[in-house]
Amino acid sequence: MTELSDYRLLSFDVYGTLVDWEGGILAAFQPTLDKTGAQFPREHLLTVYHELEREQQSKTPDMPYHQLLTTVHPKFAKRLSLEIPSQEESNQFGESVGSWPAFPDTVDALKRLSKHFKLVVLSNVDRASFAKTNAGSLEGFPFDLIITAQDVGSYKPNLENFEYMLSAVKSKFNIEPSQVLQTAQSQFHDHHPASKIGIKSAWIERPGAAMGNLADNIYDWRFDTMGDMAKAYEAGQ
């Protein structure tokens, strides 16, 4: 069994792992619900949203994420039989990405882990949205490399995103795939494709998360939070 210390680089999903993707989506959608006073179970809202997002990502793999959110917003309202939002309201939903909050353990864990690993972003958002998040709730954390879906031209779980990352870290840091640990919450977007491409993964489960779950959980390590992962690494030293 390998140890966490056998790896040289952590490749992060951001939204769902470092940033509260689900809380951000729900908060951004709340004004649409408030207009009618409609109420739905949290899990139902997230399940419907995730299905629509996946459909749109398959249909328009080169669409920047904030535009994709804007496009999904009226479909989300329609699926729930709500009043169709204005274009301005959909634009606001799309622009909300940069204000989604980081999980409380994230920034401290990144600082601790950065002493031992190269830290790389492999995110499904666009460059501008990630820049807002990085400057905002991630407190300007200096990642070693940032790769977005916009850079690749496709969305995870497409294996091209992982191939692009592995090629980039080999070129930039001379780090082999066997030294890369994909670190993420979503089984659908990250752990299953990482397994297919032959890299190990650490599952940041974020108990209660509804999006990105699959019946079959693939992982080499499992932690509830990033803080727990940093603690486990330090305990093994």
C-alpha atoms as a PDB file:
ATOM      1  CA  MET A   1       0.000   0.000   0.000  1.00  0.00           C
ATOM      2  CA  THR A   2       1.367   3.371  -0.975  1.00  0.00           C
ATOM      3  CA  GLU A   3       1.463   6.299   1.444  1.00  0.00           C
ATOM      4  CA  LEU A   4       0.289   9.855   0.815  1.00  0.00           C
ATOM      5  CA  SER A   5       3.933  10.863   1.012  1.00  0.00           C
ATOM      6  CA  ASP A   6       4.679   8.759  -2.095  1.00  0.00           C
ATOM      7  CA  TYR A   7       2.973  11.417  -4.251  1.00  0.00           C
ATOM      8  CA  ARG A   8       4.437  14.687  -5.460  1.00  0.00           C
ATOM      9  CA  LEU A   9       1.353  16.456  -6.811  1.00  0.00           C
ATOM     10  CA  LEU A  10      -2.303  16.844  -5.843  1.00  0.00           C
ATOM     11  CA  SER A  11      -4.694  17.615  -8.709  1.00  0.00           C
ATOM     12  CA  PHE A  12      -7.819  19.258  -7.308  1.00  0.00           C
ATOM     13  CA  ASP A  13     -11.354  19.492  -8.344  1.00  0.00           C
ATOM     14  CA  VAL A  14     -12.409  22.868  -6.910  1.00  0.00           C
ATOM     15  CA  TYR A  15     -16.203  23.213  -6.881  1.00  0.00           C
ATOM     16  CA  GLY A  16     -17.559  20.560  -4.537  1.00  0.00           C
ATOM     17  CA  THR A  17     -14.142  19.795  -3.039  1.00  0.00           C
ATOM     18  CA  LEU A  18     -12.597  23.135  -2.044  1.00  0.00           C
ATOM     19  CA  VAL A  19     -15.629  25.363  -2.644  1.00  0.00           C
ATOM     20  CA  ASP A  20     -19.239  24.717  -1.600  1.00  0.00           C
ATOM     21  CA  TRP A  21     -20.665  24.119  -5.087  1.00  0.00           C
ATOM     22  CA  GLU A  22     -24.012  22.858  -3.818  1.00  0.00           C
ATOM     23  CA  GLY A  23     -24.519  25.694  -1.344  1.00  0.00           C
ATOM     24  CA  GLY A  24     -23.484  28.185  -4.021  1.00  0.00           C
ATOM     25  CA  ILE A  25     -25.958  26.826  -6.583  1.00  0.00           C
ATOM     26  CA  LEU A  26     -28.825  26.799  -4.084  1.00  0.00           C
ATOM     27  CA  ALA A  27     -28.109  30.347  -2.866  1.00  0.00           C
ATOM     28  CA  ALA A  28     -27.924  31.621  -6.444  1.00  0.00           C
ATOM     29  CA  PHE A  29     -31.225  29.927  -7.306  1.00  0.00           C
ATOM     30  CA  GLN A  30     -33.034  31.160  -4.186  1.00  0.00           C
ATOM     31  CA  PRO A  31     -34.292  34.438  -5.780  1.00  0.00           C
ATOM     32  CA  THR A  32     -36.068  32.344  -8.453  1.00  0.00           C
ATOM     33  CA  LEU A  33     -37.763  30.294  -5.733  1.00  0.00           C
ATOM     34  CA  ASP A  34     -38.590  33.388  -3.680  1.00  0.00           C
ATOM     35  CA  LYS A  35     -40.621  34.917  -6.519  1.00  0.00           C
ATOM     36  CA  THR A  36     -43.298  32.243  -6.049  1.00  0.00           C
ATOM     37  CA  GLY A  37     -42.560  31.062  -2.535  1.00  0.00           C
ATOM     38  CA  ALA A  38     -41.966  27.556  -3.926  1.00  0.00           C
ATOM     39  CA  GLN A  39     -40.161  25.063  -1.731  1.00  0.00           C
ATOM     40  CA  PHE A  40     -38.449  21.824  -2.717  1.00  0.00           C
ATOM     41  CA  PRO A  41     -36.245  19.353  -0.817  1.00  0.00           C
ATOM     42  CA  ARG A  42     -32.556  20.245  -1.137  1.00  0.00           C
ATOM     43  CA  GLU A  43     -31.691  16.892  -2.682  1.00  0.00           C
ATOM     44  CA  HIS A  44     -34.412  17.222  -5.339  1.00  0.00           C
ATOM     45  CA  LEU A  45     -33.152  20.663  -6.393  1.00  0.00           C
ATOM     46  CA  LEU A  46     -29.571  19.449  -6.628  1.00  0.00           C
ATOM     47  CA  THR A  47     -30.491  16.258  -8.486  1.00  0.00           C
ATOM     48  CA  VAL A  48     -32.466  18.193 -11.108  1.00  0.00           C
ATOM     49  CA  TYR A  49     -29.767  20.833 -11.456  1.00  0.00           C
ATOM     50  CA  HIS A  50     -26.967  18.275 -11.810  1.00  0.00           C
ATOM     51  CA  GLU A  51     -28.869  16.391 -14.517  1.00  0.00           C
ATOM     52  CA  LEU A  52     -29.415  19.598 -16.516  1.00  0.00           C
ATOM     53  CA  GLU A  53     -25.790  20.681 -16.094  1.00  0.00           C
ATOM     54  CA  ARG A  54     -24.502  17.326 -17.316  1.00  0.00           C
ATOM     55  CA  GLU A  55     -26.794  17.457 -20.351  1.00  0.00           C
ATOM     56  CA  GLN A  56     -25.621  20.952 -21.242  1.00  0.00           C
ATOM     57  CA  GLN A  57     -21.937  20.081 -20.772  1.00  0.00           C
ATOM     58  CA  SER A  58     -22.345  17.130 -23.151  1.00  0.00           C
ATOM     59  CA  LYS A  59     -24.184  19.303 -25.678  1.00  0.00           C
ATOM     60  CA  THR A  60     -21.813  22.312 -25.556  1.00  0.00           C
ATOM     61  CA  PRO A  61     -18.413  21.095 -24.268  1.00  0.00           C
ATOM     62  CA  ASP A  62     -16.648  24.303 -25.312  1.00  0.00           C
ATOM     63  CA  MET A  63     -19.128  26.703 -23.653  1.00  0.00           C
ATOM     64  CA  PRO A  64     -17.495  28.639 -20.755  1.00  0.00           C
ATOM     65  CA  TYR A  65     -18.991  27.560 -17.442  1.00  0.00           C
ATOM     66  CA  HIS A  66     -20.573  30.879 -16.460  1.00  0.00           C
ATOM     67  CA  GLN A  67     -22.404  30.929 -19.818  1.00  0.00           C
ATOM     68  CA  LEU A  68     -23.411  27.309 -19.279  1.00  0.00           C
ATOM     69  CA  LEU A  69     -24.940  28.236 -15.910  1.00  0.00           C
ATOM     70  CA  THR A  70     -26.786  31.119 -17.550  1.00  0.00           C
ATOM     71  CA  THR A  71     -28.133  28.701 -20.174  1.00  0.00           C
ATOM     72  CA  VAL A  72     -29.190  26.081 -17.612  1.00  0.00           C
ATOM     73  CA  HIS A  73     -30.969  28.567 -15.323  1.00  0.00           C
ATOM     74  CA  PRO A  74     -34.267  28.926 -17.274  1.00  0.00           C
ATOM     75  CA  LYS A  75     -34.301  25.163 -17.943  1.00  0.00           C
ATOM     76  CA  PHE A  76     -33.948  24.577 -14.199  1.00  0.00           C
ATOM     77  CA  ALA A  77     -36.894  26.883 -13.499  1.00  0.00           C
ATOM     78  CA  LYS A  78     -38.982  25.255 -16.228  1.00  0.00           C
ATOM     79  CA  ARG A  79     -38.261  21.734 -14.976  1.00  0.00           C
ATOM     80  CA  LEU A  80     -39.587  22.793 -11.575  1.00  0.00           C
ATOM     81  CA  SER A  81     -42.670  24.464 -13.165  1.00  0.00           C
ATOM     82  CA  LEU A  82     -41.535  27.892 -11.957  1.00  0.00           C
ATOM     83  CA  GLU A  83     -41.846  31.246 -13.708  1.00  0.00           C
ATOM     84  CA  ILE A  84     -39.182  31.518 -16.423  1.00  0.00           C
ATOM     85  CA  PRO A  85     -36.558  34.032 -15.270  1.00  0.00           C
ATOM     86  CA  SER A  86     -35.498  37.127 -17.178  1.00  0.00           C
ATOM     87  CA  GLN A  87     -32.210  37.164 -19.087  1.00  0.00           C
ATOM     88  CA  GLU A  88     -30.771  39.464 -16.438  1.00  0.00           C
ATOM     89  CA  GLU A  89     -31.727  37.008 -13.679  1.00  0.00           C
ATOM     90  CA  SER A  90     -30.117  34.152 -15.622  1.00  0.00           C
ATOM     91  CA  ASN A  91     -26.972  36.246 -16.138  1.00  0.00           C
ATOM     92  CA  GLN A  92     -26.789  36.830 -12.380  1.00  0.00           C
ATOM     93  CA  PHE A  93     -27.092  33.089 -11.777  1.00  0.00           C
ATOM     94  CA  GLY A  94     -24.209  32.498 -14.220  1.00  0.00           C
ATOM     95  CA  GLU A  95     -22.047  35.167 -12.621  1.00  0.00           C
ATOM     96  CA  SER A  96     -22.586  33.770  -9.105  1.00  0.00           C
ATOM     97  CA  VAL A  97     -19.705  31.278  -9.404  1.00  0.00           C
ATOM     98  CA  GLY A  98     -17.080  33.717  -8.172  1.00  0.00           C
ATOM     99  CA  SER A  99     -18.998  34.358  -4.947  1.00  0.00           C
ATOM    100  CA  TRP A 100     -19.554  30.733  -3.927  1.00  0.00           C
ATOM    101  CA  PRO A 101     -17.966  30.150  -0.498  1.00  0.00           C
ATOM    102  CA  ALA A 102     -14.954  27.977   0.242  1.00  0.00           C
ATOM    103  CA  PHE A 103     -15.455  25.250   2.819  1.00  0.00           C
ATOM    104  CA  PRO A 104     -14.110  26.468   6.194  1.00  0.00           C
ATOM    105  CA  ASP A 105     -11.234  23.950   6.247  1.00  0.00           C
ATOM    106  CA  THR A 106     -10.041  24.589   2.679  1.00  0.00           C
ATOM    107  CA  VAL A 107      -7.539  27.448   2.772  1.00  0.00           C
ATOM    108  CA  ASP A 108      -5.714  26.248   5.883  1.00  0.00           C
ATOM    109  CA  ALA A 109      -5.485  22.710   4.440  1.00  0.00           C
ATOM    110  CA  LEU A 110      -4.087  24.033   1.148  1.00  0.00           C
ATOM    111  CA  LYS A 111      -1.404  25.990   3.012  1.00  0.00           C
ATOM    112  CA  ARG A 112      -0.413  22.887   4.976  1.00  0.00           C
ATOM    113  CA  LEU A 113      -0.405  20.562   1.970  1.00  0.00           C
ATOM    114  CA  SER A 114       1.538  23.038  -0.189  1.00  0.00           C
ATOM    115  CA  LYS A 115       4.584  22.431   2.000  1.00  0.00           C
ATOM    116  CA  HIS A 116       4.740  18.857   0.681  1.00  0.00           C
ATOM    117  CA  PHE A 117       3.059  18.767  -2.752  1.00  0.00           C
ATOM    118  CA  LYS A 118       2.658  20.725  -5.950  1.00  0.00           C
ATOM    119  CA  LEU A 119      -1.003  21.804  -5.991  1.00  0.00           C
ATOM    120  CA  VAL A 120      -2.811  21.894  -9.344  1.00  0.00           C
ATOM    121  CA  VAL A 121      -6.356  22.955 -10.215  1.00  0.00           C
ATOM    122  CA  LEU A 122      -8.287  20.768 -12.694  1.00  0.00           C
ATOM    123  CA  SER A 123     -11.668  22.488 -12.724  1.00  0.00           C
ATOM    124  CA  ASN A 124     -14.805  22.404 -14.855  1.00  0.00           C
ATOM    125  CA  VAL A 125     -15.236  26.175 -14.755  1.00  0.00           C
ATOM    126  CA  ASP A 126     -13.871  28.905 -17.032  1.00  0.00           C
ATOM    127  CA  ARG A 127     -10.758  30.993 -16.377  1.00  0.00           C
ATOM    128  CA  ALA A 128     -12.578  34.206 -15.403  1.00  0.00           C
ATOM    129  CA  SER A 129     -14.900  32.464 -12.924  1.00  0.00           C
ATOM    130  CA  PHE A 130     -12.028  30.615 -11.277  1.00  0.00           C
ATOM    131  CA  ALA A 131     -10.007  33.842 -11.046  1.00  0.00           C
ATOM    132  CA  LYS A 132     -12.884  35.425  -9.081  1.00  0.00           C
ATOM    133  CA  THR A 133     -13.076  32.433  -6.742  1.00  0.00           C
ATOM    134  CA  ASN A 134      -9.324  32.370  -6.257  1.00  0.00           C
ATOM    135  CA  ALA A 135      -9.234  36.092  -5.433  1.00  0.00           C
ATOM    136  CA  GLY A 136     -12.321  35.743  -3.217  1.00  0.00           C
ATOM    137  CA  SER A 137     -13.099  32.774  -0.995  1.00  0.00           C
ATOM    138  CA  LEU A 138      -9.774  31.007  -1.716  1.00  0.00           C
ATOM    139  CA  GLU A 139      -7.977  34.125  -0.429  1.00  0.00           C
ATOM    140  CA  GLY A 140      -5.578  34.398  -3.358  1.00  0.00           C
ATOM    141  CA  PHE A 141      -4.020  30.988  -2.720  1.00  0.00           C
ATOM    142  CA  PRO A 142      -1.054  30.526  -5.119  1.00  0.00           C
ATOM    143  CA  PHE A 143      -1.695  27.234  -6.942  1.00  0.00           C
ATOM    144  CA  ASP A 144       1.254  25.854  -8.910  1.00  0.00           C
ATOM    145  CA  LEU A 145      -0.836  25.361 -12.059  1.00  0.00           C
ATOM    146  CA  ILE A 146      -4.443  26.168 -13.014  1.00  0.00           C
ATOM    147  CA  ILE A 147      -6.254  24.164 -15.715  1.00  0.00           C
ATOM    148  CA  THR A 148      -9.906  24.867 -16.503  1.00  0.00           C
ATOM    149  CA  ALA A 149     -12.414  23.243 -18.838  1.00  0.00           C
ATOM    150  CA  GLN A 150     -12.010  26.349 -20.993  1.00  0.00           C
ATOM    151  CA  ASP A 151      -8.307  25.534 -21.475  1.00  0.00           C
ATOM    152  CA  VAL A 152      -9.065  21.952 -22.526  1.00  0.00           C
ATOM    153  CA  GLY A 153     -12.245  22.515 -24.542  1.00  0.00           C
ATOM    154  CA  SER A 154     -14.198  19.821 -22.718  1.00  0.00           C
ATOM    155  CA  TYR A 155     -15.687  19.087 -19.316  1.00  0.00           C
ATOM    156  CA  LYS A 156     -14.798  16.332 -16.877  1.00  0.00           C
ATOM    157  CA  PRO A 157     -15.456  13.383 -16.835  1.00  0.00           C
ATOM    158  CA  ASN A 158     -14.005  13.541 -20.377  1.00  0.00           C
ATOM    159  CA  LEU A 159     -10.630  11.798 -20.200  1.00  0.00           C
ATOM    160  CA  GLU A 160      -9.118  14.548 -22.346  1.00  0.00           C
ATOM    161  CA  ASN A 161      -9.141  16.818 -19.296  1.00  0.00           C
ATOM    162  CA  PHE A 162      -7.027  14.334 -17.335  1.00  0.00           C
ATOM    163  CA  GLU A 163      -4.712  13.677 -20.287  1.00  0.00           C
ATOM    164  CA  TYR A 164      -4.196  17.423 -20.647  1.00  0.00           C
ATOM    165  CA  MET A 165      -3.354  17.732 -16.930  1.00  0.00           C
ATOM    166  CA  LEU A 166      -0.930  14.792 -16.952  1.00  0.00           C
ATOM    167  CA  SER A 167       0.848  16.157 -20.025  1.00  0.00           C
ATOM    168  CA  ALA A 168       1.076  19.627 -18.447  1.00  0.00           C
ATOM    169  CA  VAL A 169       2.504  18.431 -15.116  1.00  0.00           C
ATOM    170  CA  LYS A 170       5.030  16.196 -16.905  1.00  0.00           C
ATOM    171  CA  SER A 171       6.141  19.121 -19.050  1.00  0.00           C
ATOM    172  CA  LYS A 172       6.159  21.755 -16.268  1.00  0.00           C
ATOM    173  CA  PHE A 173       7.295  19.763 -13.220  1.00  0.00           C
ATOM    174  CA  ASN A 174       8.638  16.472 -14.669  1.00  0.00           C
ATOM    175  CA  ILE A 175       6.090  14.608 -12.542  1.00  0.00           C
ATOM    176  CA  GLU A 176       4.886  11.179 -13.686  1.00  0.00           C
ATOM    177  CA  PRO A 177       1.243   9.984 -13.553  1.00  0.00           C
ATOM    178  CA  SER A 178       2.154   7.575 -10.752  1.00  0.00           C
ATOM    179  CA  GLN A 179       3.111  10.612  -8.614  1.00  0.00           C
ATOM    180  CA  VAL A 180      -0.234  12.408  -9.154  1.00  0.00           C
ATOM    181  CA  LEU A 181      -3.156  12.042  -6.731  1.00  0.00           C
ATOM    182  CA  GLN A 182      -6.540  13.265  -7.993  1.00  0.00           C
ATOM    183  CA  THR A 183      -8.206  14.889  -4.970  1.00  0.00           C
ATOM    184  CA  ALA A 184     -11.946  15.432  -5.314  1.00  0.00           C
ATOM    185  CA  GLN A 185     -15.492  14.995  -4.025  1.00  0.00           C
ATOM    186  CA  SER A 186     -17.273  13.880  -7.205  1.00  0.00           C
ATOM    187  CA  GLN A 187     -17.199  10.229  -8.143  1.00  0.00           C
ATOM    188  CA  PHE A 188     -18.770  11.054 -11.530  1.00  0.00           C
ATOM    189  CA  HIS A 189     -16.467  13.917 -12.547  1.00  0.00           C
ATOM    190  CA  ASP A 190     -13.187  12.779 -10.984  1.00  0.00           C
ATOM    191  CA  HIS A 191     -12.740   9.381  -9.380  1.00  0.00           C
ATOM    192  CA  HIS A 192     -14.183   7.196 -12.130  1.00  0.00           C
ATOM    193  CA  PRO A 193     -12.278   8.939 -14.965  1.00  0.00           C
ATOM    194  CA  ALA A 194      -9.084   9.066 -12.868  1.00  0.00           C
ATOM    195  CA  SER A 195      -9.338   5.303 -12.421  1.00  0.00           C
ATOM    196  CA  LYS A 196      -9.877   4.823 -16.168  1.00  0.00           C
ATOM    197  CA  ILE A 197      -6.768   6.829 -16.985  1.00  0.00           C
ATOM    198  CA  GLY A 198      -4.723   4.996 -14.350  1.00  0.00           C
ATOM    199  CA  ILE A 199      -4.125   7.558 -11.604  1.00  0.00           C
ATOM    200  CA  LYS A 200      -4.868   7.165  -7.894  1.00  0.00           C
ATOM    201  CA  SER A 201      -7.384   9.317  -6.069  1.00  0.00           C
ATOM    202  CA  ALA A 202      -8.304  10.711  -2.663  1.00  0.00           C
ATOM    203  CA  TRP A 203     -12.045  11.053  -2.081  1.00  0.00           C
ATOM    204  CA  ILE A 204     -13.000  14.159  -0.109  1.00  0.00           C
ATOM    205  CA  GLU A 205     -16.478  12.870   0.611  1.00  0.00           C
ATOM    206  CA  ARG A 206     -18.016  16.051   2.077  1.00  0.00           C
ATOM    207  CA  PRO A 207     -20.782  14.159   3.930  1.00  0.00           C
ATOM    208  CA  GLY A 208     -24.237  15.192   2.736  1.00  0.00           C
ATOM    209  CA  ALA A 209     -23.065  16.042  -0.786  1.00  0.00           C
ATOM    210  CA  ALA A 210     -25.693  15.131  -3.391  1.00  0.00           C
ATOM    211  CA  MET A 211     -24.100  15.994  -6.747  1.00  0.00           C
ATOM    212  CA  GLY A 212     -21.571  13.779  -8.485  1.00  0.00           C
ATOM    213  CA  ASN A 213     -22.432  10.652  -6.507  1.00  0.00           C
ATOM    214  CA  LEU A 214     -22.525   7.212  -8.122  1.00  0.00           C
ATOM    215  CA  ALA A 215     -23.538   3.792  -6.802  1.00  0.00           C
ATOM    216  CA  ASP A 216     -19.959   2.525  -7.150  1.00  0.00           C
ATOM    217  CA  ASN A 217     -17.364   4.475  -5.154  1.00  0.00           C
ATOM    218  CA  ILE A 218     -13.799   4.315  -6.451  1.00  0.00           C
ATOM    219  CA  TYR A 219     -10.959   5.756  -4.365  1.00  0.00           C
ATOM    220  CA  ASP A 220      -7.600   4.968  -2.797  1.00  0.00           C
ATOM    221  CA  TRP A 221      -8.034   7.230   0.246  1.00  0.00           C
ATOM    222  CA  ARG A 222     -11.148   8.723   1.810  1.00  0.00           C
ATOM    223  CA  PHE A 223     -11.481  11.799   4.007  1.00  0.00           C
ATOM    224  CA  ASP A 224     -14.504  13.843   5.080  1.00  0.00           C
ATOM    225  CA  THR A 225     -12.707  17.163   4.564  1.00  0.00           C
ATOM    226  CA  MET A 226      -9.497  18.671   3.184  1.00  0.00           C
ATOM    227  CA  GLY A 227      -8.559  19.435   6.769  1.00  0.00           C
ATOM    228  CA  ASP A 228      -8.734  15.712   7.572  1.00  0.00           C
ATOM    229  CA  MET A 229      -6.477  14.943   4.602  1.00  0.00           C
ATOM    230  CA  ALA A 230      -3.854  17.461   5.752  1.00  0.00           C
ATOM    231  CA  LYS A 231      -4.026  16.031   9.280  1.00  0.00           C
ATOM    232  CA  ALA A 232      -3.599  12.463   7.987  1.00  0.00           C
ATOM    233  CA  TYR A 233      -0.546  13.442   5.943  1.00  0.00           C
ATOM    234  CA  GLU A 234       1.070  15.216   8.911  1.00  0.00           C
ATOM    235  CA  ALA A 235       0.330  12.265  11.224  1.00  0.00           C
ATOM    236  CA  GLY A 236       2.145   9.941   8.822  1.00  0.00           C
ATOM    237  CA  GLN A 237       5.305  12.017   8.824  1.00  0.00           C
END
